[in-house]
Structures are given as structure tokens and as C-alpha cells.
Amino acid sequence: MALLNAQPMGFYAPAQIIRDAREHGVAVHPADVNESAWDCTLEAGAVRLGFRMIDGFRADWAATLRGQKFADFRALSTAGLPRPLLEHLAEADALRSLNLDRRTALWRIAGLDAAPPPPLLAGQVKRHATPELPLMSQGEHVIADYRTTGLSLRAHPCALLREKLAAAKILPCWQATQQKNGRTVRLAGIVTVRQRPGTAKGTVFITIEDETGIANIIVWPGLVQKFRNQIINASLLIVQGQLQRSEDDVTHVVASQLVDRSHWLAGLDAPTARGDELPKPPVRRPPGHPRQERVVRKSRDFH
């Protein structure tokens, strides 16, 4: 919990810290409007994620919410809270204690009047008919989780892609790093760290993560220029290379081939067939061309 509240720091992203905690039996609960504080907290032996984990959420918003409890959406929407605060909570799926999933919450918030009501109507909510919105698939939820918090408590993106990865003869990170020393392996994962230390004479070190663990990749200087685009831009990276295990059991994969498969991540949040039949609520997106939008947060890069 302390490591999460001290972010950003070190080489380990929150997703890796939380995955390790859960593997050691620690329960982790998502951020929630009625349960969370700004920092991550302990809650009946479990970790409750704080509002600080939501991308773009402000500490002063968390202070505004401190001590308040909301019984339903009406109570939340008439509390005089800033509209962007509500949108951030909805996009992060942090309104579950109000029995609102992220899609329904976004729809309800989109229906709120932007301007404050006249004095005689203060405290009244303009009612909008909410259509029967299609349920979001697990893939849609996972990608939305990563976009808003940089992690998902539901599943790892690579777990949802495992069938496709297996068809391409790509091993999970854990299995790949258990192979014999010197063996050629193919593995894939989300890029979490890129390092190009000045003392390494041009060598690039990359850490990738899937649902089974992490793998450390070495790209020698002779290949850095050839795979420059993949090194710089990939969110989901396929690596082929030789496994190297030192005498003290430190394992690396020396890359010979790098392939960017980030577009596979974007495919996870493709709308369901039923989802195409109904309009969707507006979702906040960062500026820029849609193809430049990151499905997962940028890796931690060190030089």
C-alpha cells in the first residue's frame, strides 16, 4: 500500500505491485466513490485503491468527497460536484456502490444539465429515459480499466489474448523463462519499462509483463536501430530471442526479433454486435489522432 501511495517511483508500475500482492493472497478492491480516499487504504485486511489511481483525478476532488456517502445516483448528481469529477468516476467504474456500471453511469451523467438549475428547481433531477444499454464485454472493461487506472483487477489483457498468442506459438512469460539456458523462445507482454542507461553503450533493456509474470529483454546496440519503432512505440510486444540464465539464476531473453502487436489490444474493446445497435455515451479521450491513442499507459522509460 505504501508503494502505491508513493507512486510514481522506481521501476515497478502499480499494476506489477498489485499483481504481486494478489499472488501473495492480498485482496485488492477497486476505487469507489463511497469507499475510497485519495490514498490507497487498508480495509478489513484488504487494500482499497484510492482516487490517486484514476488518471487525471485531482486531490481537491478527493477532499470534496471525503466523509460523504451517496445512496444513489440522485444523491450524487445533486451534491454540487464538478461534472469532470463525475465523469472520471464513471469512466473508472467507481460508481459500483450506487449499482451503476461504467456505461450506464456515463449515460446518466451525459443526461445531466450542464448549467445549474434555477433556484426553484434546485435539488431536482431532470429525468432522462435510460435505454437498455448492452453489457460491456470483459475485454471492453479491461481496456477501459487500463485507460483510466493503468491496471485491471478483472483480468490481464494478455490473458484475453492467450488463445491468439498460443496460435502464434508464443509462450507465457513464466513458461518461457523456465526453458533451458540457450534455448530460443517466443514470448509477449505489455511493455512496462524501457531503459537505455548511458553506461550500457547503447544497449536497451525492456521489461514486459503478461498474466503469468514478467520477463527482462535485452536488445543489443546492433539491433536497436533496426527495431527502433517497436522499442519506442509498442505497448504489446512479441519477442523472439535466446534465453540466458546466469549462475545466480537471473534470467534474460536476448532479443533477435521484435514485433509490435499493440493493435491486438485495441481489438479487445471492439463493440459487441448488440452494442452497434444503440448509441453510446460520450467518453473522454485525450487529444490527438485516434491511432495515436494508447490503449495502456505509457511504459516507464529511463535513460
Protein backbone atom coordinates (compact mmCIF):
# COMPACT_ATOMS: atom_id res chain seq x y z
CA MET A 1 0.00 0.00 0.00
CA ALA A 2 2.83 2.37 0.86
CA LEU A 3 4.45 1.66 -2.51
CA LEU A 4 1.23 2.53 -4.31
CA ASN A 5 0.85 5.79 -2.39
CA ALA A 6 4.46 6.74 -3.17
CA GLN A 7 3.99 6.48 -6.93
CA PRO A 8 5.47 7.38 -9.28
CA MET A 9 8.71 5.80 -8.15
CA GLY A 10 11.16 3.08 -9.07
CA PHE A 11 10.95 0.58 -11.89
CA TYR A 12 7.76 -1.17 -10.78
CA ALA A 13 4.43 0.13 -12.03
CA PRO A 14 1.31 -0.12 -9.80
CA ALA A 15 -0.03 -2.99 -11.93
CA GLN A 16 3.06 -5.08 -11.11
CA ILE A 17 2.91 -4.24 -7.40
CA ILE A 18 -0.78 -5.17 -7.22
CA ARG A 19 -0.26 -8.38 -9.20
CA ASP A 20 2.49 -9.44 -6.80
CA ALA A 21 0.33 -8.60 -3.77
CA ARG A 22 -2.59 -10.64 -5.09
CA GLU A 23 -0.31 -13.58 -5.85
CA HIS A 24 0.63 -13.47 -2.16
CA GLY A 25 -3.00 -13.63 -1.06
CA VAL A 26 -3.72 -9.92 -0.56
CA ALA A 27 -7.24 -8.90 -1.58
CA VAL A 28 -7.45 -5.69 -3.60
CA HIS A 29 -10.68 -3.73 -4.07
CA PRO A 30 -11.27 -1.13 -6.80
CA ALA A 31 -11.61 2.60 -6.30
CA ASP A 32 -15.17 3.54 -5.33
CA VAL A 33 -16.97 6.81 -4.69
CA ASN A 34 -18.28 5.65 -1.30
CA GLU A 35 -15.28 3.68 -0.09
CA SER A 36 -12.08 5.28 -1.35
CA ALA A 37 -9.89 8.11 -0.12
CA TRP A 38 -7.21 9.90 -2.12
CA ASP A 39 -4.59 7.37 -0.99
CA CYS A 40 -4.90 3.60 -1.12
CA THR A 41 -6.06 2.35 2.28
CA LEU A 42 -6.45 -0.83 4.33
CA GLU A 43 -9.99 -2.11 4.58
CA ALA A 44 -10.77 -5.22 6.63
CA GLY A 45 -7.47 -6.83 5.72
CA ALA A 46 -7.70 -5.82 2.06
CA VAL A 47 -6.28 -2.93 0.06
CA ARG A 48 -8.77 -0.40 -1.25
CA LEU A 49 -7.45 1.52 -4.24
CA GLY A 50 -7.54 5.28 -3.83
CA PHE A 51 -8.66 8.02 -6.18
CA ARG A 52 -4.98 8.75 -6.90
CA MET A 53 -5.03 5.64 -9.09
CA ILE A 54 -7.54 7.22 -11.50
CA ASP A 55 -5.77 9.01 -14.33
CA GLY A 56 -6.50 12.75 -14.16
CA PHE A 57 -8.34 12.64 -10.84
CA ARG A 58 -7.48 15.62 -8.63
CA ALA A 59 -6.58 15.63 -4.95
CA ASP A 60 -9.00 18.50 -4.29
CA TRP A 61 -11.83 16.42 -5.75
CA ALA A 62 -10.94 13.64 -3.33
CA ALA A 63 -11.04 16.17 -0.49
CA THR A 64 -14.52 17.25 -1.60
CA LEU A 65 -15.72 13.64 -1.44
CA ARG A 66 -14.17 12.96 1.97
CA GLY A 67 -16.79 11.89 4.51
CA GLN A 68 -19.67 11.90 2.04
CA LYS A 69 -21.78 8.83 1.35
CA PHE A 70 -24.17 8.62 -1.57
CA ALA A 71 -27.17 6.31 -1.51
CA ASP A 72 -27.90 6.55 -5.22
CA PHE A 73 -27.19 8.50 -8.39
CA ARG A 74 -29.69 11.20 -7.49
CA ALA A 75 -27.81 11.96 -4.28
CA LEU A 76 -24.53 12.06 -6.17
CA SER A 77 -25.81 14.25 -9.00
CA THR A 78 -27.39 16.84 -6.66
CA ALA A 79 -24.35 17.19 -4.40
CA GLY A 80 -22.91 20.07 -6.41
CA LEU A 81 -19.88 18.11 -7.57
CA PRO A 82 -17.95 19.19 -10.67
CA ARG A 83 -19.04 17.45 -13.85
CA PRO A 84 -15.45 16.30 -14.70
CA LEU A 85 -15.24 14.64 -11.28
CA LEU A 86 -18.37 12.61 -12.04
CA GLU A 87 -17.05 11.68 -15.49
CA HIS A 88 -13.73 10.49 -14.09
CA LEU A 89 -15.52 8.32 -11.52
CA ALA A 90 -17.82 6.83 -14.14
CA GLU A 91 -15.03 6.11 -16.62
CA ALA A 92 -13.02 4.39 -13.87
CA ASP A 93 -16.07 2.26 -12.98
CA ALA A 94 -16.00 3.75 -9.48
CA LEU A 95 -19.79 4.03 -9.05
CA ARG A 96 -20.49 0.33 -8.45
CA SER A 97 -21.66 1.01 -4.88
CA LEU A 98 -24.50 3.00 -6.49
CA ASN A 99 -25.40 -0.03 -8.64
CA LEU A 100 -24.10 1.73 -11.75
CA ASP A 101 -21.73 0.11 -14.20
CA ARG A 102 -19.44 2.38 -16.18
CA ARG A 103 -21.58 2.51 -19.35
CA THR A 104 -24.83 3.27 -17.54
CA ALA A 105 -23.08 5.81 -15.32
CA LEU A 106 -21.63 7.64 -18.33
CA TRP A 107 -25.06 7.70 -19.96
CA ARG A 108 -26.70 9.10 -16.85
CA ILE A 109 -24.03 11.77 -16.43
CA ALA A 110 -24.33 12.74 -20.09
CA GLY A 111 -28.01 13.40 -19.42
CA LEU A 112 -27.35 15.90 -16.64
CA ASP A 113 -27.87 19.56 -17.44
CA ALA A 114 -24.59 21.38 -17.90
CA ALA A 115 -25.99 24.63 -16.46
CA PRO A 116 -27.16 24.89 -12.82
CA PRO A 117 -30.96 24.78 -12.40
CA PRO A 118 -33.00 27.85 -11.43
CA PRO A 119 -33.43 28.36 -7.65
CA LEU A 120 -36.97 26.96 -7.66
CA LEU A 121 -35.71 23.75 -9.25
CA ALA A 122 -32.56 23.39 -7.18
CA GLY A 123 -32.18 19.85 -5.91
CA GLN A 124 -34.37 18.42 -8.65
CA VAL A 125 -33.01 15.99 -11.21
CA LYS A 126 -34.19 16.17 -14.76
CA ARG A 127 -35.19 12.64 -15.62
CA HIS A 128 -33.96 11.10 -18.83
CA ALA A 129 -35.08 7.73 -20.03
CA THR A 130 -32.11 5.36 -19.88
CA PRO A 131 -32.23 2.76 -22.66
CA GLU A 132 -31.34 -0.83 -22.02
CA LEU A 133 -27.66 -0.46 -22.70
CA PRO A 134 -25.68 -3.50 -23.84
CA LEU A 135 -23.41 -5.05 -21.26
CA MET A 136 -19.74 -4.36 -21.80
CA SER A 137 -17.64 -7.40 -22.58
CA GLN A 138 -14.78 -8.35 -20.28
CA GLY A 139 -12.34 -7.14 -22.92
CA GLU A 140 -14.04 -3.74 -23.10
CA HIS A 141 -13.92 -3.43 -19.31
CA VAL A 142 -10.27 -4.49 -19.09
CA ILE A 143 -9.15 -1.98 -21.71
CA ALA A 144 -11.26 0.75 -20.09
CA ASP A 145 -9.65 -0.13 -16.75
CA TYR A 146 -6.18 0.21 -18.23
CA ARG A 147 -7.03 3.50 -19.90
CA THR A 148 -8.30 5.03 -16.66
CA THR A 149 -6.17 3.42 -13.93
CA GLY A 150 -3.28 1.70 -15.69
CA LEU A 151 -4.35 -1.74 -14.44
CA SER A 152 -7.33 -4.05 -14.16
CA LEU A 153 -8.47 -6.22 -11.27
CA ARG A 154 -10.63 -8.21 -13.70
CA ALA A 155 -8.02 -9.76 -15.99
CA HIS A 156 -4.73 -9.07 -17.73
CA PRO A 157 -5.03 -8.13 -21.43
CA CYS A 158 -2.65 -10.96 -22.34
CA ALA A 159 -4.97 -13.47 -20.66
CA LEU A 160 -7.74 -12.40 -23.03
CA LEU A 161 -5.33 -12.74 -25.96
CA ARG A 162 -3.85 -16.06 -24.83
CA GLU A 163 -5.64 -18.14 -27.48
CA LYS A 164 -4.33 -15.86 -30.24
CA LEU A 165 -0.86 -15.83 -28.70
CA ALA A 166 -0.82 -19.60 -28.36
CA ALA A 167 -1.82 -19.97 -32.02
CA ALA A 168 1.27 -17.91 -32.88
CA LYS A 169 3.36 -20.32 -30.75
CA ILE A 170 4.07 -17.68 -28.15
CA LEU A 171 4.76 -18.91 -24.63
CA PRO A 172 3.59 -17.20 -21.44
CA CYS A 173 6.39 -15.25 -19.77
CA TRP A 174 6.63 -17.66 -16.85
CA GLN A 175 6.91 -20.70 -19.11
CA ALA A 176 9.36 -19.01 -21.47
CA THR A 177 11.71 -18.02 -18.65
CA GLN A 178 11.73 -21.60 -17.33
CA GLN A 179 13.20 -23.04 -20.53
CA LYS A 180 16.73 -24.37 -20.77
CA ASN A 181 19.60 -21.92 -20.94
CA GLY A 182 20.41 -21.01 -24.53
CA ARG A 183 17.05 -22.06 -25.95
CA THR A 184 15.25 -19.83 -28.46
CA VAL A 185 11.89 -18.68 -27.10
CA ARG A 186 8.94 -16.59 -28.28
CA LEU A 187 7.02 -14.62 -25.68
CA ALA A 188 4.90 -11.50 -25.47
CA GLY A 189 3.70 -8.96 -22.94
CA ILE A 190 2.73 -5.42 -22.10
CA VAL A 191 5.80 -3.16 -22.10
CA THR A 192 6.17 -1.73 -18.58
CA VAL A 193 9.76 -0.44 -18.55
CA ARG A 194 12.28 0.68 -21.15
CA GLN A 195 15.83 1.51 -20.12
CA ARG A 196 18.80 2.76 -22.10
CA PRO A 197 21.45 3.55 -19.48
CA GLY A 198 24.31 5.75 -20.54
CA THR A 199 26.74 3.18 -19.19
CA ALA A 200 25.30 0.36 -21.34
CA LYS A 201 26.87 1.61 -24.61
CA GLY A 202 23.57 1.70 -26.50
CA THR A 203 22.02 -1.50 -25.14
CA VAL A 204 18.27 -1.27 -24.43
CA PHE A 205 16.62 -3.19 -21.58
CA ILE A 206 12.87 -3.82 -21.75
CA THR A 207 10.55 -5.38 -19.18
CA ILE A 208 7.36 -6.99 -20.44
CA GLU A 209 4.51 -8.42 -18.39
CA ASP A 210 1.70 -10.87 -19.05
CA GLU A 211 -0.79 -12.60 -16.76
CA THR A 212 1.87 -15.08 -15.56
CA GLY A 213 4.72 -12.73 -14.68
CA ILE A 214 7.46 -10.57 -16.17
CA ALA A 215 10.39 -11.11 -18.49
CA ASN A 216 13.50 -8.99 -18.94
CA ILE A 217 14.58 -8.39 -22.54
CA ILE A 218 18.00 -7.28 -23.79
CA VAL A 219 18.35 -5.58 -27.19
CA TRP A 220 21.98 -5.26 -28.19
CA PRO A 221 23.10 -2.00 -29.87
CA GLY A 222 23.37 -3.64 -33.29
CA LEU A 223 19.61 -4.28 -33.33
CA VAL A 224 18.37 -1.10 -31.65
CA GLN A 225 18.14 0.94 -34.85
CA LYS A 226 16.52 -1.92 -36.78
CA PHE A 227 13.75 -2.26 -34.20
CA ARG A 228 13.65 1.38 -33.13
CA ASN A 229 9.91 1.82 -33.84
CA GLN A 230 8.98 -1.31 -31.91
CA ILE A 231 11.20 -0.36 -28.98
CA ILE A 232 9.79 3.15 -28.75
CA ASN A 233 6.13 2.66 -29.63
CA ALA A 234 4.96 -0.86 -28.78
CA SER A 235 2.50 -1.41 -25.96
CA LEU A 236 2.18 -5.13 -26.68
CA LEU A 237 5.49 -6.57 -27.80
CA ILE A 238 6.26 -10.01 -29.20
CA VAL A 239 9.88 -11.03 -28.60
CA GLN A 240 11.91 -13.83 -30.09
CA GLY A 241 15.32 -14.44 -28.64
CA GLN A 242 17.73 -16.64 -26.75
CA LEU A 243 17.20 -17.36 -23.09
CA GLN A 244 20.20 -16.59 -20.92
CA ARG A 245 20.37 -17.67 -17.28
CA SER A 246 23.28 -16.60 -15.10
CA GLU A 247 24.83 -18.62 -12.29
CA ASP A 248 22.79 -16.68 -9.73
CA ASP A 249 19.60 -17.61 -11.65
CA VAL A 250 18.98 -14.17 -13.18
CA THR A 251 17.15 -14.73 -16.48
CA HIS A 252 17.07 -12.54 -19.60
CA VAL A 253 15.95 -13.00 -23.16
CA VAL A 254 18.42 -11.63 -25.70
CA ALA A 255 16.19 -10.39 -28.50
CA SER A 256 16.70 -11.28 -32.13
CA GLN A 257 13.24 -10.20 -33.33
CA LEU A 258 10.69 -7.68 -32.02
CA VAL A 259 7.14 -7.36 -33.32
CA ASP A 260 4.64 -4.67 -32.33
CA ARG A 261 1.16 -6.13 -31.82
CA SER A 262 -0.40 -3.19 -29.97
CA HIS A 263 -3.39 -3.24 -32.32
CA TRP A 264 -4.42 -6.56 -30.78
CA LEU A 265 -5.12 -4.66 -27.56
CA ALA A 266 -7.35 -2.19 -29.36
CA GLY A 267 -9.36 -5.12 -30.69
CA LEU A 268 -10.28 -6.21 -27.17
CA ASP A 269 -12.67 -3.31 -26.73
CA ALA A 270 -14.42 -3.74 -30.06
CA PRO A 271 -18.17 -3.26 -29.51
CA THR A 272 -20.41 -6.27 -29.24
CA ALA A 273 -22.90 -6.94 -32.00
CA ARG A 274 -25.68 -5.63 -29.82
CA GLY A 275 -23.57 -2.63 -28.90
CA ASP A 276 -23.69 -1.47 -32.53
CA GLU A 277 -27.47 -1.17 -32.37
CA LEU A 278 -27.58 1.55 -29.71
CA PRO A 279 -25.85 4.89 -29.33
CA LYS A 280 -23.06 5.02 -26.78
CA PRO A 281 -22.49 7.69 -24.14
CA PRO A 282 -19.64 10.11 -24.78
CA VAL A 283 -16.28 9.02 -23.40
CA ARG A 284 -13.48 11.49 -22.69
CA ARG A 285 -10.45 10.91 -24.89
CA PRO A 286 -7.05 12.59 -24.95
CA PRO A 287 -6.40 14.95 -27.89
CA GLY A 288 -4.72 13.64 -31.00
CA HIS A 289 -5.37 11.22 -33.79
CA PRO A 290 -7.27 8.07 -32.67
CA ARG A 291 -4.47 5.84 -33.91
CA GLN A 292 -2.07 7.65 -31.60
CA GLU A 293 -4.17 6.94 -28.53
CA ARG A 294 -2.59 4.48 -26.12
CA VAL A 295 -4.68 1.54 -25.03
CA VAL A 296 -2.48 1.09 -21.97
CA ARG A 297 -0.44 3.69 -20.17
CA LYS A 298 3.00 4.60 -21.43
CA SER A 299 5.82 2.49 -20.05
CA ARG A 300 8.33 3.83 -17.56
CA ASP A 301 11.32 4.91 -19.56
CA PHE A 302 14.75 5.51 -18.04
CA HIS A 303 17.96 6.73 -19.64
